[in-house]
Amino acid sequence: MQKIEKPKFPKRLKSDIDFESLLIEDSFIEGVLFENITISSQMINRLCLTKCHFKNVQFEPCQFDRIDLTDTVFENCELSHLKLMDGSIHRCEFKNCRLTGSDFSNCHIGNTAFLDNTMQYANFSYSKFKFVHFMNNQMKNNSFNECDYKKVSYERCQLSESEFINTPLATLDFSSCEIHQAIIPVENLRGLTVSSEQAVALATLMGLKIV
């Protein structure tokens, strides 16, 4: 597991503040706890969230292009189909959230943990990852095409049928993950750590006959 920086919060967060009312005043939100609310149909470019905690929050189709997320935690949230394209995500955590179909394409993601999430069909293509940890996530059919990895770890993740096209996987360790029918071109396998069982399956996909 990579050592990553934790989100940094003030000792006390403001609460009982309406998210949508704040957006009317400013696209910069800092130091707020949002809990047990629904945020609906918001489309905002360059939203900035720092030192915020979203807990049991449901985002109904929202789009936040070029979002700037810093020191922010999403816990037990419904984030399916949330669009965060071209965003910057730094020192954040996504814990026990539903991220099915969410779009993180072309994001810069650093010092961030994805823990115990359900996130099938999520799109991370063209993103850059640095000090990022994925653990216990259901990530079937995810897209990690054209990605750049530095100090990234996957632990006990379901990656079946996910795509890693034009994404070098050197230094990564998939040995504790499920990668059945994952799409990984041969040229991207160099330096990837896998289990012996996974190695046999990958060899078969490469056309090797094992006797």
C-alpha atoms as a PDB file:
ATOM      1  CA  MET A   1       0.000   0.000   0.000  1.00  0.00           C
ATOM      2  CA  GLN A   2       1.290   3.433  -0.908  1.00  0.00           C
ATOM      3  CA  LYS A   3       1.710   5.946   1.894  1.00  0.00           C
ATOM      4  CA  ILE A   4      -0.519   8.849   0.978  1.00  0.00           C
ATOM      5  CA  GLU A   5      -1.341  12.097   2.706  1.00  0.00           C
ATOM      6  CA  LYS A   6      -4.651  12.224   4.551  1.00  0.00           C
ATOM      7  CA  PRO A   7      -7.189  15.021   4.018  1.00  0.00           C
ATOM      8  CA  LYS A   8      -6.517  17.970   6.305  1.00  0.00           C
ATOM      9  CA  PHE A   9      -9.538  19.416   8.132  1.00  0.00           C
ATOM     10  CA  PRO A  10     -10.065  22.202  10.647  1.00  0.00           C
ATOM     11  CA  LYS A  11     -11.041  21.012  14.137  1.00  0.00           C
ATOM     12  CA  ARG A  12     -14.667  21.944  13.491  1.00  0.00           C
ATOM     13  CA  LEU A  13     -16.565  22.054  10.206  1.00  0.00           C
ATOM     14  CA  LYS A  14     -19.528  24.332   9.590  1.00  0.00           C
ATOM     15  CA  SER A  15     -22.816  22.477   9.218  1.00  0.00           C
ATOM     16  CA  ASP A  16     -26.522  23.019   8.544  1.00  0.00           C
ATOM     17  CA  ILE A  17     -25.631  24.995   5.426  1.00  0.00           C
ATOM     18  CA  ASP A  18     -27.514  24.528   2.171  1.00  0.00           C
ATOM     19  CA  PHE A  19     -25.169  23.464  -0.614  1.00  0.00           C
ATOM     20  CA  GLU A  20     -27.220  24.924  -3.442  1.00  0.00           C
ATOM     21  CA  SER A  21     -27.596  28.261  -1.647  1.00  0.00           C
ATOM     22  CA  LEU A  22     -23.836  28.454  -1.256  1.00  0.00           C
ATOM     23  CA  LEU A  23     -23.399  27.891  -4.978  1.00  0.00           C
ATOM     24  CA  ILE A  24     -25.573  30.902  -5.743  1.00  0.00           C
ATOM     25  CA  GLU A  25     -23.167  33.072  -3.755  1.00  0.00           C
ATOM     26  CA  ASP A  26     -19.826  31.555  -4.736  1.00  0.00           C
ATOM     27  CA  SER A  27     -18.259  28.597  -6.545  1.00  0.00           C
ATOM     28  CA  PHE A  28     -15.639  28.281  -3.757  1.00  0.00           C
ATOM     29  CA  ILE A  29     -16.773  26.280  -0.711  1.00  0.00           C
ATOM     30  CA  GLU A  30     -14.518  25.607   2.286  1.00  0.00           C
ATOM     31  CA  GLY A  31     -14.790  23.871   5.646  1.00  0.00           C
ATOM     32  CA  VAL A  32     -18.376  22.543   5.519  1.00  0.00           C
ATOM     33  CA  LEU A  33     -19.994  19.272   6.580  1.00  0.00           C
ATOM     34  CA  PHE A  34     -22.857  18.250   4.265  1.00  0.00           C
ATOM     35  CA  GLU A  35     -24.877  15.365   5.666  1.00  0.00           C
ATOM     36  CA  ASN A  36     -28.070  13.497   4.724  1.00  0.00           C
ATOM     37  CA  ILE A  37     -29.019  15.736   1.807  1.00  0.00           C
ATOM     38  CA  THR A  38     -29.732  15.414  -1.913  1.00  0.00           C
ATOM     39  CA  ILE A  39     -27.972  17.613  -4.469  1.00  0.00           C
ATOM     40  CA  SER A  40     -29.856  17.644  -7.757  1.00  0.00           C
ATOM     41  CA  SER A  41     -29.126  18.633 -11.343  1.00  0.00           C
ATOM     42  CA  GLN A  42     -26.178  20.927 -10.720  1.00  0.00           C
ATOM     43  CA  MET A  43     -23.902  21.773 -13.672  1.00  0.00           C
ATOM     44  CA  ILE A  44     -21.005  23.979 -12.585  1.00  0.00           C
ATOM     45  CA  ASN A  45     -17.679  24.684 -14.259  1.00  0.00           C
ATOM     46  CA  ARG A  46     -14.610  25.159 -12.038  1.00  0.00           C
ATOM     47  CA  LEU A  47     -16.281  24.437  -8.708  1.00  0.00           C
ATOM     48  CA  CYS A  48     -13.743  24.538  -5.856  1.00  0.00           C
ATOM     49  CA  LEU A  49     -14.317  22.394  -2.754  1.00  0.00           C
ATOM     50  CA  THR A  50     -11.713  22.360   0.011  1.00  0.00           C
ATOM     51  CA  LYS A  51     -11.782  20.866   3.521  1.00  0.00           C
ATOM     52  CA  CYS A  52     -15.340  19.570   3.085  1.00  0.00           C
ATOM     53  CA  HIS A  53     -16.984  16.353   4.257  1.00  0.00           C
ATOM     54  CA  PHE A  54     -19.933  14.852   2.362  1.00  0.00           C
ATOM     55  CA  LYS A  55     -21.648  12.133   4.403  1.00  0.00           C
ATOM     56  CA  ASN A  56     -24.731  10.219   3.252  1.00  0.00           C
ATOM     57  CA  VAL A  57     -25.206  12.688   0.413  1.00  0.00           C
ATOM     58  CA  GLN A  58     -26.991  11.775  -2.813  1.00  0.00           C
ATOM     59  CA  PHE A  59     -25.873  13.528  -5.992  1.00  0.00           C
ATOM     60  CA  GLU A  60     -28.543  13.227  -8.650  1.00  0.00           C
ATOM     61  CA  PRO A  61     -27.181  13.749 -12.164  1.00  0.00           C
ATOM     62  CA  CYS A  62     -24.602  16.480 -11.595  1.00  0.00           C
ATOM     63  CA  GLN A  63     -21.714  17.704 -13.702  1.00  0.00           C
ATOM     64  CA  PHE A  64     -18.731  19.565 -12.245  1.00  0.00           C
ATOM     65  CA  ASP A  65     -16.225  20.015 -15.078  1.00  0.00           C
ATOM     66  CA  ARG A  66     -12.734  21.189 -14.049  1.00  0.00           C
ATOM     67  CA  ILE A  67     -13.556  20.736 -10.384  1.00  0.00           C
ATOM     68  CA  ASP A  68     -10.855  21.470  -7.810  1.00  0.00           C
ATOM     69  CA  LEU A  69     -11.198  19.042  -4.883  1.00  0.00           C
ATOM     70  CA  THR A  70      -8.757  19.387  -1.992  1.00  0.00           C
ATOM     71  CA  ASP A  71      -8.834  17.846   1.508  1.00  0.00           C
ATOM     72  CA  THR A  72     -12.366  16.561   0.920  1.00  0.00           C
ATOM     73  CA  VAL A  73     -14.040  13.287   1.953  1.00  0.00           C
ATOM     74  CA  PHE A  74     -17.063  11.561   0.403  1.00  0.00           C
ATOM     75  CA  GLU A  75     -18.465   8.943   2.781  1.00  0.00           C
ATOM     76  CA  ASN A  76     -21.470   6.692   2.085  1.00  0.00           C
ATOM     77  CA  CYS A  77     -22.485   8.896  -0.833  1.00  0.00           C
ATOM     78  CA  GLU A  78     -24.425   8.202  -4.022  1.00  0.00           C
ATOM     79  CA  LEU A  79     -22.178   9.502  -6.804  1.00  0.00           C
ATOM     80  CA  SER A  80     -23.346   7.390  -9.733  1.00  0.00           C
ATOM     81  CA  HIS A  81     -22.978   9.098 -13.122  1.00  0.00           C
ATOM     82  CA  LEU A  82     -21.323  12.109 -11.491  1.00  0.00           C
ATOM     83  CA  LYS A  83     -19.148  13.907 -14.058  1.00  0.00           C
ATOM     84  CA  LEU A  84     -15.842  15.364 -12.854  1.00  0.00           C
ATOM     85  CA  MET A  85     -13.952  15.571 -16.146  1.00  0.00           C
ATOM     86  CA  ASP A  86     -10.721  17.581 -16.338  1.00  0.00           C
ATOM     87  CA  GLY A  87     -10.650  17.934 -12.556  1.00  0.00           C
ATOM     88  CA  SER A  88      -7.913  18.207  -9.939  1.00  0.00           C
ATOM     89  CA  ILE A  89      -8.344  15.896  -6.926  1.00  0.00           C
ATOM     90  CA  HIS A  90      -5.787  16.188  -4.121  1.00  0.00           C
ATOM     91  CA  ARG A  91      -5.739  14.699  -0.609  1.00  0.00           C
ATOM     92  CA  CYS A  92      -9.267  13.275  -0.895  1.00  0.00           C
ATOM     93  CA  GLU A  93     -11.056  10.081   0.125  1.00  0.00           C
ATOM     94  CA  PHE A  94     -13.995   8.239  -1.408  1.00  0.00           C
ATOM     95  CA  LYS A  95     -15.255   5.723   1.171  1.00  0.00           C
ATOM     96  CA  ASN A  96     -18.118   3.263   0.785  1.00  0.00           C
ATOM     97  CA  CYS A  97     -19.676   5.254  -2.048  1.00  0.00           C
ATOM     98  CA  ARG A  98     -21.538   4.245  -5.165  1.00  0.00           C
ATOM     99  CA  LEU A  99     -19.708   5.578  -8.222  1.00  0.00           C
ATOM    100  CA  THR A 100     -21.299   3.504 -10.976  1.00  0.00           C
ATOM    101  CA  GLY A 101     -20.775   5.185 -14.331  1.00  0.00           C
ATOM    102  CA  SER A 102     -18.939   8.163 -12.847  1.00  0.00           C
ATOM    103  CA  ASP A 103     -16.570  10.073 -15.124  1.00  0.00           C
ATOM    104  CA  PHE A 104     -13.105  11.031 -13.847  1.00  0.00           C
ATOM    105  CA  SER A 105     -11.571  11.280 -17.310  1.00  0.00           C
ATOM    106  CA  ASN A 106      -8.567  13.550 -17.844  1.00  0.00           C
ATOM    107  CA  CYS A 107      -8.224  14.263 -14.114  1.00  0.00           C
ATOM    108  CA  HIS A 108      -5.103  14.840 -12.029  1.00  0.00           C
ATOM    109  CA  ILE A 109      -5.535  12.660  -8.937  1.00  0.00           C
ATOM    110  CA  GLY A 110      -2.980  12.757  -6.129  1.00  0.00           C
ATOM    111  CA  ASN A 111      -2.723  11.550  -2.524  1.00  0.00           C
ATOM    112  CA  THR A 112      -6.227  10.110  -2.806  1.00  0.00           C
ATOM    113  CA  ALA A 113      -7.795   6.867  -1.552  1.00  0.00           C
ATOM    114  CA  PHE A 114     -10.734   4.953  -3.022  1.00  0.00           C
ATOM    115  CA  LEU A 115     -11.910   2.572  -0.287  1.00  0.00           C
ATOM    116  CA  ASP A 116     -14.756   0.008  -0.333  1.00  0.00           C
ATOM    117  CA  ASN A 117     -16.642   1.616  -3.204  1.00  0.00           C
ATOM    118  CA  THR A 118     -18.991   0.187  -5.815  1.00  0.00           C
ATOM    119  CA  MET A 119     -17.820   1.753  -9.059  1.00  0.00           C
ATOM    120  CA  GLN A 120     -18.568  -0.363 -12.112  1.00  0.00           C
ATOM    121  CA  TYR A 121     -18.331   1.311 -15.523  1.00  0.00           C
ATOM    122  CA  ALA A 122     -16.389   4.284 -14.125  1.00  0.00           C
ATOM    123  CA  ASN A 123     -14.160   6.152 -16.566  1.00  0.00           C
ATOM    124  CA  PHE A 124     -10.642   7.231 -15.545  1.00  0.00           C
ATOM    125  CA  SER A 125      -9.176   7.405 -19.043  1.00  0.00           C
ATOM    126  CA  TYR A 126      -6.488  10.005 -19.814  1.00  0.00           C
ATOM    127  CA  SER A 127      -6.011  10.672 -16.088  1.00  0.00           C
ATOM    128  CA  LYS A 128      -2.755  11.098 -14.200  1.00  0.00           C
ATOM    129  CA  PHE A 129      -2.399   9.326 -10.850  1.00  0.00           C
ATOM    130  CA  LYS A 130       0.272  10.028  -8.233  1.00  0.00           C
ATOM    131  CA  PHE A 131       0.161   8.473  -4.762  1.00  0.00           C
ATOM    132  CA  VAL A 132      -3.298   6.906  -5.184  1.00  0.00           C
ATOM    133  CA  HIS A 133      -4.612   3.824  -3.385  1.00  0.00           C
ATOM    134  CA  PHE A 134      -7.520   1.634  -4.523  1.00  0.00           C
ATOM    135  CA  MET A 135      -8.675  -0.923  -1.932  1.00  0.00           C
ATOM    136  CA  ASN A 136     -11.682  -3.268  -1.818  1.00  0.00           C
ATOM    137  CA  ASN A 137     -13.457  -1.630  -4.733  1.00  0.00           C
ATOM    138  CA  GLN A 138     -15.884  -3.242  -7.157  1.00  0.00           C
ATOM    139  CA  MET A 139     -14.422  -1.810 -10.383  1.00  0.00           C
ATOM    140  CA  LYS A 140     -15.693  -4.148 -13.078  1.00  0.00           C
ATOM    141  CA  ASN A 141     -15.747  -2.674 -16.604  1.00  0.00           C
ATOM    142  CA  ASN A 142     -13.758   0.423 -15.649  1.00  0.00           C
ATOM    143  CA  SER A 143     -11.743   2.341 -18.259  1.00  0.00           C
ATOM    144  CA  PHE A 144      -8.120   3.172 -17.421  1.00  0.00           C
ATOM    145  CA  ASN A 145      -7.011   3.896 -20.974  1.00  0.00           C
ATOM    146  CA  GLU A 146      -4.113   6.259 -21.712  1.00  0.00           C
ATOM    147  CA  CYS A 147      -3.406   6.749 -17.985  1.00  0.00           C
ATOM    148  CA  ASP A 148      -0.169   7.713 -16.269  1.00  0.00           C
ATOM    149  CA  TYR A 149       0.654   5.963 -12.966  1.00  0.00           C
ATOM    150  CA  LYS A 150       3.175   7.002 -10.312  1.00  0.00           C
ATOM    151  CA  LYS A 151       3.101   5.355  -6.874  1.00  0.00           C
ATOM    152  CA  VAL A 152      -0.317   3.742  -7.348  1.00  0.00           C
ATOM    153  CA  SER A 153      -1.588   0.596  -5.625  1.00  0.00           C
ATOM    154  CA  TYR A 154      -4.546  -1.733  -6.147  1.00  0.00           C
ATOM    155  CA  GLU A 155      -5.463  -4.055  -3.280  1.00  0.00           C
ATOM    156  CA  ARG A 156      -8.286  -6.615  -3.385  1.00  0.00           C
ATOM    157  CA  CYS A 157     -10.144  -4.848  -6.199  1.00  0.00           C
ATOM    158  CA  GLN A 158     -12.521  -6.397  -8.721  1.00  0.00           C
ATOM    159  CA  LEU A 159     -11.060  -5.305 -12.070  1.00  0.00           C
ATOM    160  CA  SER A 160     -12.669  -7.876 -14.342  1.00  0.00           C
ATOM    161  CA  GLU A 161     -13.354  -6.699 -17.891  1.00  0.00           C
ATOM    162  CA  SER A 162     -11.666  -3.361 -17.222  1.00  0.00           C
ATOM    163  CA  GLU A 163      -9.525  -1.739 -19.913  1.00  0.00           C
ATOM    164  CA  PHE A 164      -5.888  -0.657 -19.600  1.00  0.00           C
ATOM    165  CA  ILE A 165      -5.146   0.270 -23.215  1.00  0.00           C
ATOM    166  CA  ASN A 166      -1.967   2.309 -23.785  1.00  0.00           C
ATOM    167  CA  THR A 167      -1.395   2.413 -20.019  1.00  0.00           C
ATOM    168  CA  PRO A 168       2.000   1.093 -18.866  1.00  0.00           C
ATOM    169  CA  LEU A 169       1.532  -1.043 -15.736  1.00  0.00           C
ATOM    170  CA  ALA A 170       5.159  -1.343 -14.600  1.00  0.00           C
ATOM    171  CA  THR A 171       5.516  -1.289 -10.772  1.00  0.00           C
ATOM    172  CA  LEU A 172       1.803  -2.081 -10.220  1.00  0.00           C
ATOM    173  CA  ASP A 173       0.704  -5.165  -8.288  1.00  0.00           C
ATOM    174  CA  PHE A 174      -2.556  -6.854  -9.337  1.00  0.00           C
ATOM    175  CA  SER A 175      -1.852 -10.103  -7.468  1.00  0.00           C
ATOM    176  CA  SER A 176      -4.648  -9.598  -4.894  1.00  0.00           C
ATOM    177  CA  CYS A 177      -7.165  -8.396  -7.505  1.00  0.00           C
ATOM    178  CA  GLU A 178      -9.600 -10.136  -9.842  1.00  0.00           C
ATOM    179  CA  ILE A 179      -8.594  -9.358 -13.435  1.00  0.00           C
ATOM    180  CA  HIS A 180     -10.637 -11.940 -15.348  1.00  0.00           C
ATOM    181  CA  GLN A 181     -11.074 -10.824 -18.978  1.00  0.00           C
ATOM    182  CA  ALA A 182      -9.386  -7.497 -18.319  1.00  0.00           C
ATOM    183  CA  ILE A 183      -8.157  -5.886 -21.538  1.00  0.00           C
ATOM    184  CA  ILE A 184      -4.402  -5.380 -21.144  1.00  0.00           C
ATOM    185  CA  PRO A 185      -2.274  -5.187 -24.301  1.00  0.00           C
ATOM    186  CA  VAL A 186       0.878  -7.321 -24.203  1.00  0.00           C
ATOM    187  CA  GLU A 187       3.167  -4.297 -24.415  1.00  0.00           C
ATOM    188  CA  ASN A 188       1.676  -2.892 -21.179  1.00  0.00           C
ATOM    189  CA  LEU A 189       2.323  -6.038 -19.099  1.00  0.00           C
ATOM    190  CA  ARG A 190       6.053  -5.500 -18.608  1.00  0.00           C
ATOM    191  CA  GLY A 191       6.852  -4.979 -14.920  1.00  0.00           C
ATOM    192  CA  LEU A 192       3.327  -5.804 -13.689  1.00  0.00           C
ATOM    193  CA  THR A 193       3.171  -8.100 -10.628  1.00  0.00           C
ATOM    194  CA  VAL A 194       0.545 -10.851 -10.827  1.00  0.00           C
ATOM    195  CA  SER A 195      -0.189 -14.125  -9.036  1.00  0.00           C
ATOM    196  CA  SER A 196       0.801 -17.450 -10.585  1.00  0.00           C
ATOM    197  CA  GLU A 197      -2.849 -18.146 -11.441  1.00  0.00           C
ATOM    198  CA  GLN A 198      -3.178 -14.770 -13.128  1.00  0.00           C
ATOM    199  CA  ALA A 199       0.048 -15.367 -15.048  1.00  0.00           C
ATOM    200  CA  VAL A 200      -1.384 -18.564 -16.563  1.00  0.00           C
ATOM    201  CA  ALA A 201      -4.589 -16.768 -17.595  1.00  0.00           C
ATOM    202  CA  LEU A 202      -2.629 -13.886 -19.156  1.00  0.00           C
ATOM    203  CA  ALA A 203      -0.362 -16.293 -20.974  1.00  0.00           C
ATOM    204  CA  THR A 204      -3.389 -18.031 -22.462  1.00  0.00           C
ATOM    205  CA  LEU A 205      -4.740 -14.717 -23.697  1.00  0.00           C
ATOM    206  CA  MET A 206      -1.385 -14.096 -25.339  1.00  0.00           C
ATOM    207  CA  GLY A 207      -1.766 -17.320 -27.307  1.00  0.00           C
ATOM    208  CA  LEU A 208       0.729 -19.394 -25.337  1.00  0.00           C
ATOM    209  CA  LYS A 209       0.063 -23.121 -24.910  1.00  0.00           C
ATOM    210  CA  ILE A 210       0.874 -24.264 -21.402  1.00  0.00           C
ATOM    211  CA  VAL A 211       1.498 -28.004 -20.884  1.00  0.00           C
END
